[in-house]
Amino acid sequence: MPMVSIKDRNKDDRPREKLARYGSEKLSDLELLMAIIGSGNAYSDVTKISRDVKKLISDKGSELTYEDLLGIKSLGPAKATQIMAGYELWRRQFEVSERPIIDSPEKAVAQLADIRDKKQEYFVCLTLDGANRLIAKRVITIGTLTSSLVHPREVFADAITDRAASIIIAHNHPSGSINVSDADRNVTDRLRQAAEIIGIELIDHVIITKNQSTTVL
């Protein structure tokens, strides 16, 4: 199919004008992308850029990233950001997901029932996306909690791979004591400092026992 430049279209058939006149449901997927992108540049017409973006979305699906969009030669950071923001907003509002939203300490505790009765201390990390949906839950270390045992690289390595926006850390107290120890605070402070440098928010540090829970932050 020959590619028609946006300039060659009748004004009323241009995507933005067509959307305003007839509604978004009348536009094809390609035209919707053209309406979002708006215009081309010296390298490519908006139609060509939109076709490339459409193919990328078809190939990547829900795994589409900002870096993927930047891989399209004629798509600059501003338009890539605009597309990604719209895509992520839609995904948060309408994508069916079985991943729970962890937006309170109580919901975090609900994910930690399996370590309540452990005879050793289990240090766990929950990685979350920008909508506070759980990406993954991982056991980082097993043993007595110390700042040397819980190293920031062990906590944040997978969080970076997950492209997490934030994390919640947690551990159990086999003794049954719910008191926050100096070691608990030291580990929290060290990981909070690392989080600020890396740019992944440390939301909370949850401590649980068989029957109780508390937070360090």
C-alpha atoms as a PDB file:
ATOM      1  CA  MET A   1       0.000   0.000   0.000  1.00  0.00           C
ATOM      2  CA  PRO A   2       1.480   3.373  -0.986  1.00  0.00           C
ATOM      3  CA  MET A   3       2.165   5.687   1.926  1.00  0.00           C
ATOM      4  CA  VAL A   4       0.060   8.854   1.887  1.00  0.00           C
ATOM      5  CA  SER A   5       1.642  11.903   3.454  1.00  0.00           C
ATOM      6  CA  ILE A   6      -0.418  13.775   6.009  1.00  0.00           C
ATOM      7  CA  LYS A   7      -0.104  16.851   3.797  1.00  0.00           C
ATOM      8  CA  ASP A   8      -1.750  14.966   0.920  1.00  0.00           C
ATOM      9  CA  ARG A   9      -4.894  14.205   2.884  1.00  0.00           C
ATOM     10  CA  ASN A  10      -8.014  16.314   2.703  1.00  0.00           C
ATOM     11  CA  LYS A  11      -8.076  18.484   5.826  1.00  0.00           C
ATOM     12  CA  ASP A  12     -11.217  16.763   7.161  1.00  0.00           C
ATOM     13  CA  ASP A  13      -9.514  13.359   6.716  1.00  0.00           C
ATOM     14  CA  ARG A  14      -6.493  14.259   8.814  1.00  0.00           C
ATOM     15  CA  PRO A  15      -6.520  12.270  12.086  1.00  0.00           C
ATOM     16  CA  ARG A  16      -6.946  15.118  14.559  1.00  0.00           C
ATOM     17  CA  GLU A  17      -9.650  16.841  12.531  1.00  0.00           C
ATOM     18  CA  LYS A  18     -11.346  13.502  11.859  1.00  0.00           C
ATOM     19  CA  LEU A  19     -11.370  12.663  15.566  1.00  0.00           C
ATOM     20  CA  ALA A  20     -12.870  16.030  16.459  1.00  0.00           C
ATOM     21  CA  ARG A  21     -15.519  15.704  13.746  1.00  0.00           C
ATOM     22  CA  TYR A  22     -16.519  12.032  14.042  1.00  0.00           C
ATOM     23  CA  GLY A  23     -15.138  10.734  17.357  1.00  0.00           C
ATOM     24  CA  SER A  24     -12.139   8.557  18.176  1.00  0.00           C
ATOM     25  CA  GLU A  25     -13.953   5.307  17.343  1.00  0.00           C
ATOM     26  CA  LYS A  26     -13.928   6.266  13.653  1.00  0.00           C
ATOM     27  CA  LEU A  27     -10.117   6.305  13.495  1.00  0.00           C
ATOM     28  CA  SER A  28      -7.989   3.299  12.652  1.00  0.00           C
ATOM     29  CA  ASP A  29      -5.147   2.273  14.964  1.00  0.00           C
ATOM     30  CA  LEU A  30      -2.701   3.979  12.632  1.00  0.00           C
ATOM     31  CA  GLU A  31      -4.749   7.177  12.583  1.00  0.00           C
ATOM     32  CA  LEU A  32      -4.967   7.186  16.395  1.00  0.00           C
ATOM     33  CA  LEU A  33      -1.175   7.017  16.579  1.00  0.00           C
ATOM     34  CA  MET A  34      -0.909   9.802  14.013  1.00  0.00           C
ATOM     35  CA  ALA A  35      -3.241  11.929  16.136  1.00  0.00           C
ATOM     36  CA  ILE A  36      -1.027  11.343  19.178  1.00  0.00           C
ATOM     37  CA  ILE A  37       2.276  11.981  17.395  1.00  0.00           C
ATOM     38  CA  GLY A  38       0.945  14.982  15.508  1.00  0.00           C
ATOM     39  CA  SER A  39       3.686  15.681  13.002  1.00  0.00           C
ATOM     40  CA  GLY A  40       6.801  14.221  11.490  1.00  0.00           C
ATOM     41  CA  ASN A  41      10.255  15.674  11.104  1.00  0.00           C
ATOM     42  CA  ALA A  42      13.008  16.094   8.552  1.00  0.00           C
ATOM     43  CA  TYR A  43      13.657  12.358   8.536  1.00  0.00           C
ATOM     44  CA  SER A  44      10.174  10.844   8.349  1.00  0.00           C
ATOM     45  CA  ASP A  45       6.570  11.813   7.782  1.00  0.00           C
ATOM     46  CA  VAL A  46       4.164  11.239  10.680  1.00  0.00           C
ATOM     47  CA  THR A  47       2.592   8.366   8.733  1.00  0.00           C
ATOM     48  CA  LYS A  48       5.909   6.491   8.525  1.00  0.00           C
ATOM     49  CA  ILE A  49       6.673   7.122  12.213  1.00  0.00           C
ATOM     50  CA  SER A  50       3.193   5.925  13.195  1.00  0.00           C
ATOM     51  CA  ARG A  51       3.577   2.750  11.149  1.00  0.00           C
ATOM     52  CA  ASP A  52       6.865   2.012  12.911  1.00  0.00           C
ATOM     53  CA  VAL A  53       5.293   2.617  16.330  1.00  0.00           C
ATOM     54  CA  LYS A  54       2.291   0.446  15.444  1.00  0.00           C
ATOM     55  CA  LYS A  55       4.575  -2.428  14.436  1.00  0.00           C
ATOM     56  CA  LEU A  56       6.576  -2.049  17.647  1.00  0.00           C
ATOM     57  CA  ILE A  57       3.407  -2.181  19.763  1.00  0.00           C
ATOM     58  CA  SER A  58       2.285  -5.294  17.862  1.00  0.00           C
ATOM     59  CA  ASP A  59       5.647  -6.946  18.498  1.00  0.00           C
ATOM     60  CA  LYS A  60       6.093  -5.950  22.150  1.00  0.00           C
ATOM     61  CA  GLY A  61       2.519  -5.806  23.433  1.00  0.00           C
ATOM     62  CA  SER A  62       2.267  -5.013  27.130  1.00  0.00           C
ATOM     63  CA  GLU A  63       6.065  -5.263  27.424  1.00  0.00           C
ATOM     64  CA  LEU A  64       6.547  -2.031  25.457  1.00  0.00           C
ATOM     65  CA  THR A  65       9.081   0.312  27.102  1.00  0.00           C
ATOM     66  CA  TYR A  66      10.238   3.895  26.677  1.00  0.00           C
ATOM     67  CA  GLU A  67      13.617   2.593  25.487  1.00  0.00           C
ATOM     68  CA  ASP A  68      11.861   0.555  22.773  1.00  0.00           C
ATOM     69  CA  LEU A  69      10.208   3.713  21.453  1.00  0.00           C
ATOM     70  CA  LEU A  70      13.496   5.604  21.450  1.00  0.00           C
ATOM     71  CA  GLY A  71      14.821   2.871  19.175  1.00  0.00           C
ATOM     72  CA  ILE A  72      12.654   4.300  16.395  1.00  0.00           C
ATOM     73  CA  LYS A  73      15.087   6.650  14.670  1.00  0.00           C
ATOM     74  CA  SER A  74      12.644   9.433  13.875  1.00  0.00           C
ATOM     75  CA  LEU A  75      10.854   9.422  17.232  1.00  0.00           C
ATOM     76  CA  GLY A  76      12.345  11.885  19.714  1.00  0.00           C
ATOM     77  CA  PRO A  77      12.176  11.789  23.528  1.00  0.00           C
ATOM     78  CA  ALA A  78       9.230  14.204  23.774  1.00  0.00           C
ATOM     79  CA  LYS A  79       6.920  12.161  21.544  1.00  0.00           C
ATOM     80  CA  ALA A  80       8.182   8.860  22.969  1.00  0.00           C
ATOM     81  CA  THR A  81       7.282  10.173  26.428  1.00  0.00           C
ATOM     82  CA  GLN A  82       3.839  11.240  25.248  1.00  0.00           C
ATOM     83  CA  ILE A  83       3.104   7.828  23.712  1.00  0.00           C
ATOM     84  CA  MET A  84       4.455   5.914  26.707  1.00  0.00           C
ATOM     85  CA  ALA A  85       2.514   8.021  29.200  1.00  0.00           C
ATOM     86  CA  GLY A  86      -0.750   7.424  27.336  1.00  0.00           C
ATOM     87  CA  TYR A  87       0.026   3.728  26.937  1.00  0.00           C
ATOM     88  CA  GLU A  88       0.814   3.295  30.635  1.00  0.00           C
ATOM     89  CA  LEU A  89      -2.299   5.224  31.724  1.00  0.00           C
ATOM     90  CA  TRP A  90      -4.477   2.937  29.613  1.00  0.00           C
ATOM     91  CA  ARG A  91      -2.671  -0.139  30.913  1.00  0.00           C
ATOM     92  CA  ARG A  92      -3.214   0.882  34.548  1.00  0.00           C
ATOM     93  CA  GLN A  93      -6.889   1.660  34.063  1.00  0.00           C
ATOM     94  CA  PHE A  94      -8.040  -1.126  31.784  1.00  0.00           C
ATOM     95  CA  GLU A  95      -5.545  -3.970  31.568  1.00  0.00           C
ATOM     96  CA  VAL A  96      -6.805  -7.048  33.380  1.00  0.00           C
ATOM     97  CA  SER A  97      -4.181  -8.026  35.917  1.00  0.00           C
ATOM     98  CA  GLU A  98      -3.996 -10.642  38.642  1.00  0.00           C
ATOM     99  CA  ARG A  99      -1.234  -8.731  40.383  1.00  0.00           C
ATOM    100  CA  PRO A 100      -2.427  -7.262  43.699  1.00  0.00           C
ATOM    101  CA  ILE A 101      -2.062  -3.573  44.487  1.00  0.00           C
ATOM    102  CA  ILE A 102       0.098  -3.056  47.576  1.00  0.00           C
ATOM    103  CA  ASP A 103      -0.725   0.438  48.803  1.00  0.00           C
ATOM    104  CA  SER A 104      -0.743  -0.077  52.574  1.00  0.00           C
ATOM    105  CA  PRO A 105       1.300  -1.920  55.215  1.00  0.00           C
ATOM    106  CA  GLU A 106      -1.670  -4.232  55.784  1.00  0.00           C
ATOM    107  CA  LYS A 107      -1.667  -5.333  52.157  1.00  0.00           C
ATOM    108  CA  ALA A 108       2.086  -5.902  52.328  1.00  0.00           C
ATOM    109  CA  VAL A 109       1.649  -8.049  55.445  1.00  0.00           C
ATOM    110  CA  ALA A 110      -0.937 -10.130  53.593  1.00  0.00           C
ATOM    111  CA  GLN A 111       1.809 -11.142  51.144  1.00  0.00           C
ATOM    112  CA  LEU A 112       4.103 -12.300  53.961  1.00  0.00           C
ATOM    113  CA  ALA A 113       2.049 -14.977  55.694  1.00  0.00           C
ATOM    114  CA  ASP A 114       4.502 -17.676  54.598  1.00  0.00           C
ATOM    115  CA  ILE A 115       7.354 -16.289  56.737  1.00  0.00           C
ATOM    116  CA  ARG A 116       5.412 -15.673  59.962  1.00  0.00           C
ATOM    117  CA  ASP A 117       6.291 -19.074  61.447  1.00  0.00           C
ATOM    118  CA  LYS A 118       9.829 -19.434  60.106  1.00  0.00           C
ATOM    119  CA  LYS A 119      12.476 -20.443  62.650  1.00  0.00           C
ATOM    120  CA  GLN A 120      15.071 -18.212  60.968  1.00  0.00           C
ATOM    121  CA  GLU A 121      14.848 -14.611  59.841  1.00  0.00           C
ATOM    122  CA  TYR A 122      13.724 -14.327  56.232  1.00  0.00           C
ATOM    123  CA  PHE A 123      14.442 -11.008  54.543  1.00  0.00           C
ATOM    124  CA  VAL A 124      11.992 -10.419  51.679  1.00  0.00           C
ATOM    125  CA  CYS A 125      11.668  -7.751  48.995  1.00  0.00           C
ATOM    126  CA  LEU A 126       8.427  -6.846  47.199  1.00  0.00           C
ATOM    127  CA  THR A 127       8.962  -4.960  43.929  1.00  0.00           C
ATOM    128  CA  LEU A 128       6.149  -2.693  42.739  1.00  0.00           C
ATOM    129  CA  ASP A 129       5.346  -0.811  39.545  1.00  0.00           C
ATOM    130  CA  GLY A 130       4.225   2.811  39.326  1.00  0.00           C
ATOM    131  CA  ALA A 131       0.646   1.832  40.173  1.00  0.00           C
ATOM    132  CA  ASN A 132       1.813  -0.075  43.291  1.00  0.00           C
ATOM    133  CA  ARG A 133       1.035  -3.418  41.656  1.00  0.00           C
ATOM    134  CA  LEU A 134       3.160  -6.299  42.842  1.00  0.00           C
ATOM    135  CA  ILE A 135       5.766  -7.305  40.275  1.00  0.00           C
ATOM    136  CA  ALA A 136       7.591  -9.946  42.291  1.00  0.00           C
ATOM    137  CA  LYS A 137       8.248 -11.202  45.802  1.00  0.00           C
ATOM    138  CA  ARG A 138      11.715 -12.551  46.538  1.00  0.00           C
ATOM    139  CA  VAL A 139      13.581 -13.934  49.516  1.00  0.00           C
ATOM    140  CA  ILE A 140      16.856 -12.011  49.631  1.00  0.00           C
ATOM    141  CA  THR A 141      18.567 -13.652  52.613  1.00  0.00           C
ATOM    142  CA  ILE A 142      17.918 -16.211  55.338  1.00  0.00           C
ATOM    143  CA  GLY A 143      19.649 -15.785  58.680  1.00  0.00           C
ATOM    144  CA  THR A 144      20.276 -13.189  61.363  1.00  0.00           C
ATOM    145  CA  LEU A 145      19.552  -9.704  60.046  1.00  0.00           C
ATOM    146  CA  THR A 146      22.667  -7.517  59.837  1.00  0.00           C
ATOM    147  CA  SER A 147      23.702  -4.672  57.551  1.00  0.00           C
ATOM    148  CA  SER A 148      26.557  -6.805  56.217  1.00  0.00           C
ATOM    149  CA  LEU A 149      24.222  -9.693  55.370  1.00  0.00           C
ATOM    150  CA  VAL A 150      21.595  -7.545  53.639  1.00  0.00           C
ATOM    151  CA  HIS A 151      23.628  -5.715  51.017  1.00  0.00           C
ATOM    152  CA  PRO A 152      21.961  -3.067  48.796  1.00  0.00           C
ATOM    153  CA  ARG A 153      23.139  -4.787  45.614  1.00  0.00           C
ATOM    154  CA  GLU A 154      21.260  -7.967  46.595  1.00  0.00           C
ATOM    155  CA  VAL A 155      18.096  -5.984  47.265  1.00  0.00           C
ATOM    156  CA  PHE A 156      18.155  -3.695  44.241  1.00  0.00           C
ATOM    157  CA  ALA A 157      19.608  -5.938  41.516  1.00  0.00           C
ATOM    158  CA  ASP A 158      16.289  -7.627  40.766  1.00  0.00           C
ATOM    159  CA  ALA A 159      14.330  -4.427  41.427  1.00  0.00           C
ATOM    160  CA  ILE A 160      16.300  -2.745  38.644  1.00  0.00           C
ATOM    161  CA  THR A 161      15.704  -5.715  36.322  1.00  0.00           C
ATOM    162  CA  ASP A 162      11.984  -5.530  37.161  1.00  0.00           C
ATOM    163  CA  ARG A 163      11.987  -1.799  36.278  1.00  0.00           C
ATOM    164  CA  ALA A 164      10.360  -1.331  39.674  1.00  0.00           C
ATOM    165  CA  ALA A 165       9.204   2.114  40.746  1.00  0.00           C
ATOM    166  CA  SER A 166       9.387   1.194  44.411  1.00  0.00           C
ATOM    167  CA  ILE A 167      10.047  -1.622  46.854  1.00  0.00           C
ATOM    168  CA  ILE A 168       8.815  -2.779  50.239  1.00  0.00           C
ATOM    169  CA  ILE A 169      11.240  -4.759  52.362  1.00  0.00           C
ATOM    170  CA  ALA A 170      10.208  -7.070  55.170  1.00  0.00           C
ATOM    171  CA  HIS A 171      11.495  -9.658  57.590  1.00  0.00           C
ATOM    172  CA  ASN A 172      10.194 -11.860  60.375  1.00  0.00           C
ATOM    173  CA  HIS A 173      11.203 -12.028  64.041  1.00  0.00           C
ATOM    174  CA  PRO A 174      11.245 -15.708  65.054  1.00  0.00           C
ATOM    175  CA  SER A 175      11.570 -14.654  68.703  1.00  0.00           C
ATOM    176  CA  GLY A 176       8.051 -13.237  68.613  1.00  0.00           C
ATOM    177  CA  SER A 177       9.245  -9.795  69.710  1.00  0.00           C
ATOM    178  CA  ILE A 178       7.756  -6.987  67.651  1.00  0.00           C
ATOM    179  CA  ASN A 179      10.270  -4.420  68.885  1.00  0.00           C
ATOM    180  CA  VAL A 180      12.381  -2.650  66.234  1.00  0.00           C
ATOM    181  CA  SER A 181      16.051  -3.389  66.895  1.00  0.00           C
ATOM    182  CA  ASP A 182      19.124  -1.282  66.167  1.00  0.00           C
ATOM    183  CA  ALA A 183      20.011  -3.764  63.409  1.00  0.00           C
ATOM    184  CA  ASP A 184      16.573  -3.253  61.858  1.00  0.00           C
ATOM    185  CA  ARG A 185      17.104   0.508  61.811  1.00  0.00           C
ATOM    186  CA  ASN A 186      20.662   0.235  60.472  1.00  0.00           C
ATOM    187  CA  VAL A 187      19.599  -1.967  57.584  1.00  0.00           C
ATOM    188  CA  THR A 188      16.675   0.347  56.811  1.00  0.00           C
ATOM    189  CA  ASP A 189      18.860   3.465  56.812  1.00  0.00           C
ATOM    190  CA  ARG A 190      21.446   1.864  54.541  1.00  0.00           C
ATOM    191  CA  LEU A 191      18.845   0.686  52.036  1.00  0.00           C
ATOM    192  CA  ARG A 192      17.033   4.032  52.139  1.00  0.00           C
ATOM    193  CA  GLN A 193      20.268   5.813  51.208  1.00  0.00           C
ATOM    194  CA  ALA A 194      20.854   3.381  48.345  1.00  0.00           C
ATOM    195  CA  ALA A 195      17.258   3.815  47.174  1.00  0.00           C
ATOM    196  CA  GLU A 196      17.686   7.577  46.930  1.00  0.00           C
ATOM    197  CA  ILE A 197      20.787   7.147  44.779  1.00  0.00           C
ATOM    198  CA  ILE A 198      19.290   4.475  42.516  1.00  0.00           C
ATOM    199  CA  GLY A 199      15.933   6.219  42.139  1.00  0.00           C
ATOM    200  CA  ILE A 200      13.731   3.354  43.346  1.00  0.00           C
ATOM    201  CA  GLU A 201      11.606   4.427  46.301  1.00  0.00           C
ATOM    202  CA  LEU A 202      11.814   2.445  49.525  1.00  0.00           C
ATOM    203  CA  ILE A 203       8.215   2.631  50.707  1.00  0.00           C
ATOM    204  CA  ASP A 204       8.403   0.673  53.931  1.00  0.00           C
ATOM    205  CA  HIS A 205      10.195  -1.902  56.039  1.00  0.00           C
ATOM    206  CA  VAL A 206       7.716  -4.320  57.591  1.00  0.00           C
ATOM    207  CA  ILE A 207       8.507  -6.551  60.557  1.00  0.00           C
ATOM    208  CA  ILE A 208       6.191  -9.447  61.319  1.00  0.00           C
ATOM    209  CA  THR A 209       5.887 -12.124  63.972  1.00  0.00           C
ATOM    210  CA  LYS A 210       3.437 -14.997  64.255  1.00  0.00           C
ATOM    211  CA  ASN A 211       0.649 -12.720  65.464  1.00  0.00           C
ATOM    212  CA  GLN A 212       1.755  -9.114  64.965  1.00  0.00           C
ATOM    213  CA  SER A 213       3.355  -6.684  62.560  1.00  0.00           C
ATOM    214  CA  THR A 214       4.945  -3.237  62.661  1.00  0.00           C
ATOM    215  CA  THR A 215       6.937  -0.939  60.408  1.00  0.00           C
ATOM    216  CA  VAL A 216      10.359   0.642  60.733  1.00  0.00           C
ATOM    217  CA  LEU A 217       9.708   3.695  58.532  1.00  0.00           C
END
